[in-house]
Protein backbone atom coordinates (compact mmCIF):
# COMPACT_ATOMS: atom_id res chain seq x y z
CA MET A 1 -107.44 16.49 -38.53
CA PRO A 2 -105.04 14.53 -40.82
CA ILE A 3 -102.17 13.10 -38.92
CA THR A 4 -98.93 11.17 -39.98
CA LEU A 5 -96.28 9.38 -37.97
CA GLU A 6 -93.13 11.42 -38.16
CA ASN A 7 -90.70 9.22 -36.32
CA VAL A 8 -90.12 7.09 -33.24
CA GLY A 9 -87.56 8.61 -30.82
CA ILE A 10 -85.16 6.49 -28.90
CA ALA A 11 -82.68 7.64 -26.32
CA VAL A 12 -79.49 5.61 -26.60
CA ARG A 13 -76.24 5.10 -24.69
CA ASP A 14 -74.01 5.26 -27.69
CA ILE A 15 -75.23 6.93 -30.88
CA GLU A 16 -72.44 5.85 -32.96
CA GLU A 17 -72.94 2.08 -32.05
CA THR A 18 -76.72 2.50 -32.67
CA ILE A 19 -76.27 4.14 -35.92
CA ALA A 20 -73.90 1.45 -37.05
CA PHE A 21 -76.50 -1.27 -36.05
CA PHE A 22 -79.44 0.24 -37.92
CA THR A 23 -77.51 1.32 -40.96
CA ASP A 24 -76.09 -2.18 -41.26
CA LEU A 25 -79.62 -3.37 -41.26
CA GLY A 26 -80.41 -1.05 -44.26
CA LEU A 27 -81.54 2.22 -42.81
CA SER A 28 -79.93 5.40 -44.00
CA VAL A 29 -78.96 8.47 -42.07
CA LEU A 30 -80.96 11.52 -43.14
CA GLY A 31 -79.27 13.94 -40.84
CA ARG A 32 -77.36 14.51 -37.65
CA ASP A 33 -76.97 17.38 -35.31
CA GLU A 34 -76.36 18.54 -31.80
CA VAL A 35 -79.25 20.31 -30.09
CA SER A 36 -79.49 22.48 -27.03
CA GLY A 37 -80.93 25.83 -25.90
CA GLU A 38 -84.21 27.30 -24.92
CA TRP A 39 -86.09 25.85 -27.94
CA ALA A 40 -84.77 22.34 -27.13
CA ASP A 41 -85.70 22.72 -23.44
CA THR A 42 -89.21 23.82 -24.36
CA ALA A 43 -89.77 21.11 -27.04
CA VAL A 44 -88.44 18.31 -24.80
CA GLY A 45 -89.56 19.50 -21.40
CA LEU A 46 -86.16 19.13 -19.90
CA ASP A 47 -84.19 22.10 -18.79
CA GLY A 48 -80.54 22.40 -19.95
CA ASN A 49 -80.62 19.38 -22.24
CA HIS A 50 -77.95 18.91 -24.84
CA ALA A 51 -77.99 15.97 -27.01
CA LYS A 52 -76.51 14.49 -30.15
CA ILE A 53 -79.20 13.39 -32.58
CA ALA A 54 -79.50 11.42 -35.79
CA VAL A 55 -82.59 10.67 -37.97
CA LEU A 56 -82.56 7.32 -39.79
CA GLN A 57 -84.97 6.33 -42.51
CA THR A 58 -86.05 2.85 -43.76
CA PRO A 59 -85.23 1.95 -47.36
CA ASP A 60 -88.90 2.44 -48.39
CA GLY A 61 -88.85 5.99 -47.17
CA HIS A 62 -91.80 5.66 -44.81
CA GLY A 63 -90.30 4.88 -41.47
CA ARG A 64 -88.01 7.00 -39.42
CA LEU A 65 -86.17 6.59 -36.12
CA GLU A 66 -84.75 9.58 -34.27
CA LEU A 67 -81.88 8.68 -32.04
CA PHE A 68 -80.56 10.87 -29.36
CA GLU A 69 -77.64 10.56 -26.96
CA TYR A 70 -77.87 12.93 -24.04
CA LEU A 71 -74.71 14.84 -23.24
CA HIS A 72 -76.50 16.88 -20.52
CA PRO A 73 -78.17 16.03 -18.24
CA ASP A 74 -76.57 12.56 -17.98
CA ALA A 75 -78.71 9.80 -19.34
CA ILE A 76 -80.44 7.69 -16.75
CA GLU A 77 -79.75 4.02 -16.97
CA THR A 78 -82.74 1.74 -16.69
CA ASP A 79 -83.27 -1.98 -16.75
CA PRO A 80 -84.04 -3.21 -20.33
CA THR A 81 -87.77 -3.15 -21.06
CA LEU A 82 -89.45 -6.63 -20.79
CA PRO A 83 -91.92 -7.53 -23.46
CA ASN A 84 -94.86 -7.29 -20.96
CA GLU A 85 -94.04 -3.95 -19.50
CA LEU A 86 -96.26 -0.84 -20.14
CA GLY A 87 -94.92 1.93 -22.27
CA MET A 88 -92.74 1.90 -25.32
CA HIS A 89 -92.37 -1.59 -26.39
CA ARG A 90 -90.34 -2.20 -29.50
CA VAL A 91 -89.41 -1.28 -32.99
CA ALA A 92 -90.60 -3.69 -35.57
CA PHE A 93 -89.13 -4.37 -39.09
CA GLN A 94 -90.56 -6.46 -41.90
CA VAL A 95 -87.62 -8.18 -43.57
CA ASP A 96 -87.24 -10.24 -46.64
CA ASP A 97 -84.88 -12.79 -45.04
CA ILE A 98 -84.96 -13.11 -41.33
CA ASP A 99 -81.90 -15.30 -41.31
CA GLU A 100 -79.90 -12.56 -43.05
CA ALA A 101 -81.26 -9.90 -40.68
CA LEU A 102 -80.31 -12.02 -37.69
CA ALA A 103 -76.80 -12.62 -39.07
CA THR A 104 -76.39 -8.80 -39.40
CA ALA A 105 -77.65 -8.31 -35.93
CA ALA A 106 -75.27 -10.96 -34.53
CA ARG A 107 -72.30 -9.05 -35.96
CA HIS A 108 -73.30 -6.33 -33.56
CA GLY A 109 -73.62 -8.80 -30.59
CA CYS A 110 -77.38 -8.74 -30.71
CA PHE A 111 -79.22 -12.06 -30.56
CA PRO A 112 -82.86 -13.26 -30.26
CA LEU A 113 -84.37 -13.29 -26.79
CA ARG A 114 -85.59 -16.94 -27.40
CA GLY A 115 -85.22 -17.97 -30.98
CA VAL A 116 -87.46 -17.54 -34.07
CA ALA A 117 -91.14 -18.38 -33.92
CA ASN A 118 -93.37 -19.48 -36.92
CA TYR A 119 -96.76 -17.96 -36.72
CA GLN A 120 -99.25 -20.30 -38.74
CA ASP A 121 -96.76 -20.52 -41.61
CA ILE A 122 -97.68 -16.86 -42.24
CA TYR A 123 -94.74 -15.11 -40.43
CA LYS A 124 -91.46 -16.04 -38.98
CA LEU A 125 -90.69 -13.42 -36.21
CA THR A 126 -88.34 -12.84 -33.32
CA TYR A 127 -87.48 -10.24 -30.75
CA LEU A 128 -83.88 -9.31 -30.04
CA ARG A 129 -82.09 -6.74 -27.88
CA GLY A 130 -80.35 -4.09 -29.97
CA PRO A 131 -78.02 -1.45 -28.74
CA SER A 132 -78.93 0.23 -25.39
CA GLY A 133 -81.26 -2.66 -24.74
CA ILE A 134 -83.66 -1.57 -27.61
CA ILE A 135 -86.17 -4.44 -28.35
CA VAL A 136 -86.17 -4.92 -32.06
CA MET A 137 -88.62 -7.22 -33.81
CA PHE A 138 -87.87 -8.82 -37.15
CA ALA A 139 -90.92 -10.28 -39.11
CA GLN A 140 -90.65 -12.21 -42.40
CA ASP A 141 -93.83 -12.60 -44.33
CA LEU A 142 -93.72 -16.25 -45.49
CA THR A 143 -96.77 -15.73 -47.89
CA LYS A 144 -94.58 -13.28 -49.80
CA THR A 145 -91.53 -15.68 -49.73
CA ALA A 146 -93.71 -18.51 -50.90
CA ALA A 147 -95.35 -16.48 -53.81
CA SER A 148 -91.84 -15.30 -54.97
CA ALA A 149 -90.66 -18.94 -54.96
CA ASP A 150 -93.50 -19.95 -57.34
């Protein structure tokens, strides 16, 4: 059975704030809608749900995020996920310039959890908290950076 990844869905507190964050990083909005009704109840497994949704795509056209802000029932606030908790962990992006990506994130009030790590001079990477506490990873492939400098 062939299978492909369609998207990663993330429930957010404020869809506009989250769209602004990810589009500033370079993703584009493919579509937006409000969903509700029997089909949505069946698909999601939540009676009476009504949500604003947006689908964003990475510049390469391969990665997609589906964001949803619940209007009904009310979203349930939880503590932000910790890196060692089970379940959905993070959204990761390869970036050409980690410093530029971090400057963009900082304009949205989002900063690394602890700094930028260098993994064996192969990758620079960091985790940060995005909107609604989403853990976002940036990774810069230093082997590509070194090759382009030659």
